[in-house]
Amino acid sequence: MDINGVLDDLTRVAESVGLEIQRRALRGTHPSLGGLCRLPGRNVVLLSSKATSLERCTVLAAALAELGHATHPGLGNDSRVLVERHGRPLSAATAREKRHARPGLAGLGSRGRRRM
């Protein structure tokens, strides 16, 4: 697999579906490779300027999968496999765990009791 070719392919497809790609030096206490940011009227993918080509491919593939573009006709075989890996639906067990997860602070009433 030619990782630079896959990166070019993912970038081309992302731009063709209207994603704005920005490369920035991402700093902070929690280092990040980037990700999808949904802003009013547009979707932006932030990519760390310090990330490797493989890491950038991973971020772009996850963004395309999240937006439902795993079957885009412009994706090459290697790119399609990468996007499909990131777009796997939740298993039944994982979905059940998420539904029955304990609430955060927003799910508690003023007395610390669960809201009904």
C-alpha atoms as a PDB file:
ATOM      1  CA  MET A   1       0.000   0.000   0.000  1.00  0.00           C
ATOM      2  CA  ASP A   2       1.345   3.401  -1.024  1.00  0.00           C
ATOM      3  CA  ILE A   3       0.469   5.554   1.991  1.00  0.00           C
ATOM      4  CA  ASN A   4       1.097   8.857   0.193  1.00  0.00           C
ATOM      5  CA  GLY A   5      -1.200   7.749  -2.638  1.00  0.00           C
ATOM      6  CA  VAL A   6      -3.892   6.837  -0.116  1.00  0.00           C
ATOM      7  CA  LEU A   7      -3.454  10.216   1.592  1.00  0.00           C
ATOM      8  CA  ASP A   8      -3.827  12.014  -1.755  1.00  0.00           C
ATOM      9  CA  ASP A   9      -6.906   9.916  -2.557  1.00  0.00           C
ATOM     10  CA  LEU A  10      -8.550  10.604   0.823  1.00  0.00           C
ATOM     11  CA  THR A  11      -7.739  14.317   0.585  1.00  0.00           C
ATOM     12  CA  ARG A  12      -9.211  14.559  -2.921  1.00  0.00           C
ATOM     13  CA  VAL A  13     -12.421  12.771  -1.909  1.00  0.00           C
ATOM     14  CA  ALA A  14     -12.760  14.792   1.311  1.00  0.00           C
ATOM     15  CA  GLU A  15     -12.485  18.049  -0.627  1.00  0.00           C
ATOM     16  CA  SER A  16     -14.917  16.811  -3.283  1.00  0.00           C
ATOM     17  CA  VAL A  17     -17.625  16.162  -0.652  1.00  0.00           C
ATOM     18  CA  GLY A  18     -17.148  19.635   0.813  1.00  0.00           C
ATOM     19  CA  LEU A  19     -14.837  18.994   3.753  1.00  0.00           C
ATOM     20  CA  GLU A  20     -12.437  21.796   4.500  1.00  0.00           C
ATOM     21  CA  ILE A  21      -8.988  20.480   5.463  1.00  0.00           C
ATOM     22  CA  GLN A  22      -6.710  22.571   7.649  1.00  0.00           C
ATOM     23  CA  ARG A  23      -3.212  21.602   8.716  1.00  0.00           C
ATOM     24  CA  ARG A  24      -2.199  23.194  12.003  1.00  0.00           C
ATOM     25  CA  ALA A  25       0.296  22.762  14.801  1.00  0.00           C
ATOM     26  CA  LEU A  26      -2.082  21.368  17.408  1.00  0.00           C
ATOM     27  CA  ARG A  27      -0.871  22.089  20.918  1.00  0.00           C
ATOM     28  CA  GLY A  28      -2.240  21.533  24.366  1.00  0.00           C
ATOM     29  CA  THR A  29      -2.057  19.270  27.349  1.00  0.00           C
ATOM     30  CA  HIS A  30      -3.499  16.362  25.348  1.00  0.00           C
ATOM     31  CA  PRO A  31      -1.626  15.921  22.071  1.00  0.00           C
ATOM     32  CA  SER A  32      -3.970  15.256  19.179  1.00  0.00           C
ATOM     33  CA  LEU A  33      -3.628  14.142  15.580  1.00  0.00           C
ATOM     34  CA  GLY A  34      -6.727  16.122  14.653  1.00  0.00           C
ATOM     35  CA  GLY A  35     -10.282  15.241  13.783  1.00  0.00           C
ATOM     36  CA  LEU A  36     -13.620  16.342  12.391  1.00  0.00           C
ATOM     37  CA  CYS A  37     -15.053  19.637  13.624  1.00  0.00           C
ATOM     38  CA  ARG A  38     -18.670  20.416  12.807  1.00  0.00           C
ATOM     39  CA  LEU A  39     -19.166  24.149  12.573  1.00  0.00           C
ATOM     40  CA  PRO A  40     -22.371  25.941  11.550  1.00  0.00           C
ATOM     41  CA  GLY A  41     -22.646  25.560   7.799  1.00  0.00           C
ATOM     42  CA  ARG A  42     -19.423  23.633   7.258  1.00  0.00           C
ATOM     43  CA  ASN A  43     -17.353  20.633   8.281  1.00  0.00           C
ATOM     44  CA  VAL A  44     -13.635  21.077   8.921  1.00  0.00           C
ATOM     45  CA  VAL A  45     -11.013  18.386   9.374  1.00  0.00           C
ATOM     46  CA  LEU A  46      -8.070  19.548  11.458  1.00  0.00           C
ATOM     47  CA  LEU A  47      -4.827  17.693  10.805  1.00  0.00           C
ATOM     48  CA  SER A  48      -1.774  18.033  12.998  1.00  0.00           C
ATOM     49  CA  SER A  49       1.179  19.352  11.039  1.00  0.00           C
ATOM     50  CA  LYS A  50       3.401  17.032  13.088  1.00  0.00           C
ATOM     51  CA  ALA A  51       1.389  13.892  12.266  1.00  0.00           C
ATOM     52  CA  THR A  52       2.807  11.274   9.921  1.00  0.00           C
ATOM     53  CA  SER A  53       1.147  10.445   6.606  1.00  0.00           C
ATOM     54  CA  LEU A  54      -0.377   7.306   8.114  1.00  0.00           C
ATOM     55  CA  GLU A  55      -1.831   9.279  11.037  1.00  0.00           C
ATOM     56  CA  ARG A  56      -3.302  11.846   8.637  1.00  0.00           C
ATOM     57  CA  CYS A  57      -4.859   9.020   6.620  1.00  0.00           C
ATOM     58  CA  THR A  58      -6.425   7.657   9.792  1.00  0.00           C
ATOM     59  CA  VAL A  59      -7.949  11.033  10.727  1.00  0.00           C
ATOM     60  CA  LEU A  60      -9.312  11.630   7.215  1.00  0.00           C
ATOM     61  CA  ALA A  61     -10.703   8.095   6.974  1.00  0.00           C
ATOM     62  CA  ALA A  62     -12.473   8.478  10.334  1.00  0.00           C
ATOM     63  CA  ALA A  63     -13.997  11.808   9.240  1.00  0.00           C
ATOM     64  CA  LEU A  64     -15.231  10.365   5.934  1.00  0.00           C
ATOM     65  CA  ALA A  65     -16.680   7.331   7.706  1.00  0.00           C
ATOM     66  CA  GLU A  66     -18.444   9.496  10.282  1.00  0.00           C
ATOM     67  CA  LEU A  67     -20.069  11.534   7.520  1.00  0.00           C
ATOM     68  CA  GLY A  68     -21.165   8.396   5.651  1.00  0.00           C
ATOM     69  CA  HIS A  69     -18.837   8.511   2.655  1.00  0.00           C
ATOM     70  CA  ALA A  70     -17.412   4.980   2.940  1.00  0.00           C
ATOM     71  CA  THR A  71     -18.898   4.029  -0.434  1.00  0.00           C
ATOM     72  CA  HIS A  72     -17.877   7.172  -2.321  1.00  0.00           C
ATOM     73  CA  PRO A  73     -17.110   6.198  -5.938  1.00  0.00           C
ATOM     74  CA  GLY A  74     -13.884   8.242  -5.959  1.00  0.00           C
ATOM     75  CA  LEU A  75     -12.195   6.113  -3.299  1.00  0.00           C
ATOM     76  CA  GLY A  76      -9.531   3.667  -4.394  1.00  0.00           C
ATOM     77  CA  ASN A  77      -9.458   0.120  -3.002  1.00  0.00           C
ATOM     78  CA  ASP A  78      -6.924   0.808  -0.225  1.00  0.00           C
ATOM     79  CA  SER A  79      -8.667   4.041   0.749  1.00  0.00           C
ATOM     80  CA  ARG A  80     -12.088   2.376   0.788  1.00  0.00           C
ATOM     81  CA  VAL A  81     -10.839  -0.388   3.104  1.00  0.00           C
ATOM     82  CA  LEU A  82      -9.403   2.205   5.497  1.00  0.00           C
ATOM     83  CA  VAL A  83     -12.620   4.254   5.565  1.00  0.00           C
ATOM     84  CA  GLU A  84     -14.770   1.144   6.026  1.00  0.00           C
ATOM     85  CA  ARG A  85     -12.635   0.045   8.998  1.00  0.00           C
ATOM     86  CA  HIS A  86     -13.332   3.336  10.715  1.00  0.00           C
ATOM     87  CA  GLY A  87     -17.021   3.261   9.880  1.00  0.00           C
ATOM     88  CA  ARG A  88     -17.959  -0.082  11.415  1.00  0.00           C
ATOM     89  CA  PRO A  89     -21.332   0.044  13.098  1.00  0.00           C
ATOM     90  CA  LEU A  90     -21.488  -0.664  16.818  1.00  0.00           C
ATOM     91  CA  SER A  91     -21.955  -4.266  17.788  1.00  0.00           C
ATOM     92  CA  ALA A  92     -25.203  -5.101  19.589  1.00  0.00           C
ATOM     93  CA  ALA A  93     -23.359  -5.510  22.909  1.00  0.00           C
ATOM     94  CA  THR A  94     -21.599  -2.141  22.605  1.00  0.00           C
ATOM     95  CA  ALA A  95     -24.831  -0.378  21.656  1.00  0.00           C
ATOM     96  CA  ARG A  96     -26.596  -1.957  24.651  1.00  0.00           C
ATOM     97  CA  GLU A  97     -23.797  -0.816  26.990  1.00  0.00           C
ATOM     98  CA  LYS A  98     -24.077   2.748  25.701  1.00  0.00           C
ATOM     99  CA  ARG A  99     -27.851   2.773  26.225  1.00  0.00           C
ATOM    100  CA  HIS A 100     -27.550   1.553  29.810  1.00  0.00           C
ATOM    101  CA  ALA A 101     -24.584   3.669  30.815  1.00  0.00           C
ATOM    102  CA  ARG A 102     -24.898   5.619  34.016  1.00  0.00           C
ATOM    103  CA  PRO A 103     -25.825   9.265  33.513  1.00  0.00           C
ATOM    104  CA  GLY A 104     -23.369  12.085  33.836  1.00  0.00           C
ATOM    105  CA  LEU A 105     -24.062  15.124  35.974  1.00  0.00           C
ATOM    106  CA  ALA A 106     -26.750  16.283  33.541  1.00  0.00           C
ATOM    107  CA  GLY A 107     -28.770  13.140  34.321  1.00  0.00           C
ATOM    108  CA  LEU A 108     -28.891  13.886  38.041  1.00  0.00           C
ATOM    109  CA  GLY A 109     -31.433  16.067  39.793  1.00  0.00           C
ATOM    110  CA  SER A 110     -30.605  18.839  42.206  1.00  0.00           C
ATOM    111  CA  ARG A 111     -30.415  16.342  45.131  1.00  0.00           C
ATOM    112  CA  GLY A 112     -28.022  14.045  43.312  1.00  0.00           C
ATOM    113  CA  ARG A 113     -30.771  11.596  42.412  1.00  0.00           C
ATOM    114  CA  ARG A 114     -31.419  10.229  38.989  1.00  0.00           C
ATOM    115  CA  ARG A 115     -34.111  12.064  37.059  1.00  0.00           C
ATOM    116  CA  MET A 116     -37.049   9.984  35.930  1.00  0.00           C
END
